[in-house]
Amino acid sequence: MHEVYSAARFARLPTEVQKYHAGFHTSTSELAAIAARSKPKLLVLYHQLYLGPSDGVDLRKEIRKSYSGKVVSSRDLDLF
């Protein structure tokens, strides 16, 4: 289980907001690298930050660019 923000939208943010997210959260590209090293049976995304409207952003697709394992997007009370 891991929190994540959209790396695709990150560059559009003001510098101060980028500093905050980079310092306290994990981008989709960073999380893909972590998952590739740790090889979880299932990567569960929570506290998902789209950094704008969720329309047009697919966090799982961003992660799959460099991680081929199973990834699910969770919501409160989901069971896996």
N, C-alpha and C. Protein backbone atom coordinates (compact mmCIF):
# COMPACT_ATOMS: atom_id res chain seq x y z
N MET A 1 0.84 -1.17 0.00
CA MET A 1 0.00 0.00 0.00
C MET A 1 0.89 1.23 0.00
N HIS A 2 0.56 2.17 -0.87
CA HIS A 2 1.40 3.35 -0.94
C HIS A 2 0.60 4.53 -1.47
N GLU A 3 0.92 5.71 -0.96
CA GLU A 3 0.32 6.94 -1.48
C GLU A 3 1.08 7.35 -2.73
N VAL A 4 0.44 8.19 -3.57
CA VAL A 4 1.07 8.51 -4.85
C VAL A 4 0.48 9.79 -5.44
N TYR A 5 1.32 10.50 -6.21
CA TYR A 5 0.81 11.65 -6.99
C TYR A 5 1.21 11.50 -8.45
N SER A 6 0.49 12.18 -9.32
CA SER A 6 0.72 12.09 -10.75
C SER A 6 1.99 12.82 -11.17
N ALA A 7 2.96 12.06 -11.68
CA ALA A 7 4.19 12.67 -12.19
C ALA A 7 3.89 13.47 -13.46
N ALA A 8 2.89 13.05 -14.22
CA ALA A 8 2.54 13.74 -15.46
C ALA A 8 2.07 15.16 -15.22
N ARG A 9 1.39 15.39 -14.10
CA ARG A 9 0.89 16.74 -13.80
C ARG A 9 1.84 17.57 -12.95
N PHE A 10 2.84 16.94 -12.38
CA PHE A 10 3.75 17.60 -11.45
C PHE A 10 4.39 18.85 -12.04
N ALA A 11 4.86 18.78 -13.28
CA ALA A 11 5.58 19.90 -13.91
C ALA A 11 4.71 21.14 -14.07
N ARG A 12 3.41 20.98 -14.06
CA ARG A 12 2.49 22.12 -14.22
C ARG A 12 2.31 22.93 -12.93
N LEU A 13 2.79 22.40 -11.82
CA LEU A 13 2.57 23.04 -10.53
C LEU A 13 3.56 24.18 -10.30
N PRO A 14 3.16 25.18 -9.50
CA PRO A 14 4.10 26.22 -9.11
C PRO A 14 5.26 25.61 -8.30
N THR A 15 6.40 26.25 -8.32
CA THR A 15 7.61 25.74 -7.68
C THR A 15 7.40 25.38 -6.22
N GLU A 16 6.74 26.23 -5.46
CA GLU A 16 6.54 25.95 -4.03
C GLU A 16 5.68 24.71 -3.81
N VAL A 17 4.69 24.52 -4.65
CA VAL A 17 3.83 23.34 -4.54
C VAL A 17 4.63 22.09 -4.93
N GLN A 18 5.47 22.21 -5.94
CA GLN A 18 6.34 21.09 -6.33
C GLN A 18 7.25 20.69 -5.17
N LYS A 19 7.83 21.67 -4.50
CA LYS A 19 8.73 21.37 -3.36
C LYS A 19 7.99 20.59 -2.29
N TYR A 20 6.77 21.01 -1.99
CA TYR A 20 5.97 20.32 -0.97
C TYR A 20 5.73 18.87 -1.38
N HIS A 21 5.18 18.67 -2.57
CA HIS A 21 4.85 17.30 -3.00
C HIS A 21 6.09 16.42 -3.11
N ALA A 22 7.18 16.96 -3.63
CA ALA A 22 8.41 16.18 -3.76
C ALA A 22 8.98 15.82 -2.39
N GLY A 23 8.77 16.67 -1.40
CA GLY A 23 9.31 16.44 -0.07
C GLY A 23 8.48 15.51 0.80
N PHE A 24 7.17 15.43 0.53
CA PHE A 24 6.29 14.69 1.43
C PHE A 24 5.48 13.58 0.76
N HIS A 25 5.58 13.46 -0.55
CA HIS A 25 4.78 12.47 -1.27
C HIS A 25 5.65 11.75 -2.29
N THR A 26 5.08 10.74 -2.93
CA THR A 26 5.79 9.90 -3.88
C THR A 26 5.13 10.00 -5.25
N SER A 27 5.93 10.29 -6.27
CA SER A 27 5.40 10.37 -7.63
C SER A 27 5.16 8.98 -8.19
N THR A 28 4.40 8.91 -9.27
CA THR A 28 4.15 7.63 -9.92
C THR A 28 5.46 7.02 -10.41
N SER A 29 6.37 7.82 -10.93
CA SER A 29 7.65 7.28 -11.41
C SER A 29 8.51 6.79 -10.25
N GLU A 30 8.52 7.51 -9.13
CA GLU A 30 9.27 7.06 -7.95
C GLU A 30 8.68 5.76 -7.40
N LEU A 31 7.35 5.71 -7.34
CA LEU A 31 6.69 4.51 -6.81
C LEU A 31 6.93 3.31 -7.72
N ALA A 32 6.93 3.52 -9.02
CA ALA A 32 7.22 2.42 -9.95
C ALA A 32 8.61 1.86 -9.69
N ALA A 33 9.58 2.72 -9.44
CA ALA A 33 10.95 2.27 -9.16
C ALA A 33 11.01 1.50 -7.84
N ILE A 34 10.30 1.99 -6.83
CA ILE A 34 10.26 1.31 -5.53
C ILE A 34 9.63 -0.08 -5.70
N ALA A 35 8.52 -0.15 -6.41
CA ALA A 35 7.83 -1.42 -6.61
C ALA A 35 8.68 -2.39 -7.44
N ALA A 36 9.40 -1.88 -8.42
CA ALA A 36 10.26 -2.75 -9.23
C ALA A 36 11.34 -3.40 -8.38
N ARG A 37 11.85 -2.66 -7.39
CA ARG A 37 12.88 -3.20 -6.50
C ARG A 37 12.29 -4.15 -5.46
N SER A 38 11.14 -3.79 -4.88
CA SER A 38 10.58 -4.58 -3.78
C SER A 38 9.68 -5.72 -4.25
N LYS A 39 9.18 -5.65 -5.47
CA LYS A 39 8.37 -6.70 -6.09
C LYS A 39 7.18 -7.15 -5.23
N PRO A 40 6.27 -6.25 -4.90
CA PRO A 40 5.09 -6.67 -4.12
C PRO A 40 4.19 -7.57 -4.96
N LYS A 41 3.44 -8.43 -4.29
CA LYS A 41 2.47 -9.26 -5.02
C LYS A 41 1.35 -8.40 -5.58
N LEU A 42 1.04 -7.32 -4.86
CA LEU A 42 -0.01 -6.39 -5.28
C LEU A 42 0.37 -5.01 -4.79
N LEU A 43 0.40 -4.04 -5.68
CA LEU A 43 0.66 -2.65 -5.31
C LEU A 43 -0.68 -1.94 -5.22
N VAL A 44 -1.02 -1.48 -4.02
CA VAL A 44 -2.30 -0.82 -3.77
C VAL A 44 -2.06 0.67 -3.62
N LEU A 45 -2.69 1.46 -4.47
CA LEU A 45 -2.55 2.91 -4.42
C LEU A 45 -3.63 3.50 -3.53
N TYR A 46 -3.23 4.38 -2.62
CA TYR A 46 -4.19 5.12 -1.80
C TYR A 46 -3.68 6.55 -1.68
N HIS A 47 -4.47 7.41 -1.08
CA HIS A 47 -4.14 8.84 -0.98
C HIS A 47 -3.59 9.30 -2.33
N GLN A 48 -4.42 9.16 -3.34
CA GLN A 48 -4.04 9.43 -4.71
C GLN A 48 -4.23 10.90 -5.04
N LEU A 49 -3.15 11.54 -5.43
CA LEU A 49 -3.17 12.97 -5.73
C LEU A 49 -3.06 13.16 -7.24
N TYR A 50 -4.14 13.63 -7.84
CA TYR A 50 -4.15 13.84 -9.28
C TYR A 50 -3.57 15.20 -9.66
N LEU A 51 -3.42 16.06 -8.69
CA LEU A 51 -2.87 17.41 -8.88
C LEU A 51 -3.69 18.19 -9.90
N GLY A 52 -4.96 18.07 -9.78
CA GLY A 52 -5.92 18.70 -10.67
C GLY A 52 -7.10 17.75 -10.81
N PRO A 53 -7.99 18.00 -11.76
CA PRO A 53 -9.13 17.10 -11.95
C PRO A 53 -8.65 15.68 -12.28
N SER A 54 -9.36 14.68 -11.79
CA SER A 54 -8.95 13.30 -12.03
C SER A 54 -9.19 12.87 -13.48
N ASP A 55 -10.04 13.59 -14.20
CA ASP A 55 -10.28 13.27 -15.61
C ASP A 55 -8.97 13.37 -16.39
N GLY A 56 -8.69 12.36 -17.18
CA GLY A 56 -7.50 12.38 -18.03
C GLY A 56 -6.22 11.94 -17.35
N VAL A 57 -6.31 11.55 -16.07
CA VAL A 57 -5.12 11.08 -15.35
C VAL A 57 -5.35 9.62 -14.96
N ASP A 58 -4.42 8.77 -15.35
CA ASP A 58 -4.49 7.35 -14.99
C ASP A 58 -3.20 7.00 -14.25
N LEU A 59 -3.27 7.03 -12.93
CA LEU A 59 -2.08 6.77 -12.11
C LEU A 59 -1.52 5.38 -12.37
N ARG A 60 -2.39 4.40 -12.55
CA ARG A 60 -1.91 3.04 -12.82
C ARG A 60 -1.13 2.99 -14.14
N LYS A 61 -1.63 3.67 -15.13
CA LYS A 61 -0.94 3.69 -16.43
C LYS A 61 0.42 4.38 -16.31
N GLU A 62 0.50 5.45 -15.53
CA GLU A 62 1.78 6.13 -15.30
C GLU A 62 2.77 5.18 -14.65
N ILE A 63 2.31 4.40 -13.67
CA ILE A 63 3.18 3.45 -12.97
C ILE A 63 3.61 2.33 -13.90
N ARG A 64 2.71 1.86 -14.73
CA ARG A 64 3.01 0.74 -15.62
C ARG A 64 4.04 1.08 -16.70
N LYS A 65 4.38 2.33 -16.85
CA LYS A 65 5.43 2.70 -17.81
C LYS A 65 6.75 2.03 -17.44
N SER A 66 6.98 1.81 -16.13
CA SER A 66 8.24 1.18 -15.73
C SER A 66 8.07 0.11 -14.65
N TYR A 67 6.83 -0.32 -14.41
CA TYR A 67 6.58 -1.41 -13.46
C TYR A 67 5.50 -2.31 -14.05
N SER A 68 5.79 -3.60 -14.13
CA SER A 68 4.86 -4.52 -14.80
C SER A 68 4.00 -5.35 -13.85
N GLY A 69 4.16 -5.18 -12.55
CA GLY A 69 3.38 -5.96 -11.59
C GLY A 69 1.94 -5.49 -11.49
N LYS A 70 1.17 -6.19 -10.70
CA LYS A 70 -0.25 -5.88 -10.52
C LYS A 70 -0.41 -4.62 -9.67
N VAL A 71 -1.22 -3.68 -10.18
CA VAL A 71 -1.46 -2.40 -9.51
C VAL A 71 -2.96 -2.16 -9.45
N VAL A 72 -3.46 -1.80 -8.27
CA VAL A 72 -4.88 -1.44 -8.14
C VAL A 72 -5.00 -0.08 -7.47
N SER A 73 -6.06 0.59 -7.84
CA SER A 73 -6.38 1.89 -7.25
C SER A 73 -7.43 1.65 -6.17
N SER A 74 -7.13 2.02 -4.93
CA SER A 74 -8.04 1.70 -3.83
C SER A 74 -8.91 2.88 -3.43
N ARG A 75 -9.97 2.52 -2.75
CA ARG A 75 -10.86 3.50 -2.13
C ARG A 75 -11.13 3.00 -0.71
N ASP A 76 -11.56 3.89 0.14
CA ASP A 76 -11.84 3.49 1.52
C ASP A 76 -12.76 2.26 1.56
N LEU A 77 -12.41 1.34 2.43
CA LEU A 77 -13.14 0.11 2.71
C LEU A 77 -13.02 -0.96 1.62
N ASP A 78 -12.15 -0.75 0.61
CA ASP A 78 -11.91 -1.80 -0.38
C ASP A 78 -11.23 -3.00 0.29
N LEU A 79 -11.51 -4.18 -0.24
CA LEU A 79 -10.85 -5.40 0.22
C LEU A 79 -10.11 -6.02 -0.95
N PHE A 80 -8.90 -6.50 -0.69
CA PHE A 80 -8.09 -7.12 -1.74
C PHE A 80 -7.58 -8.47 -1.27
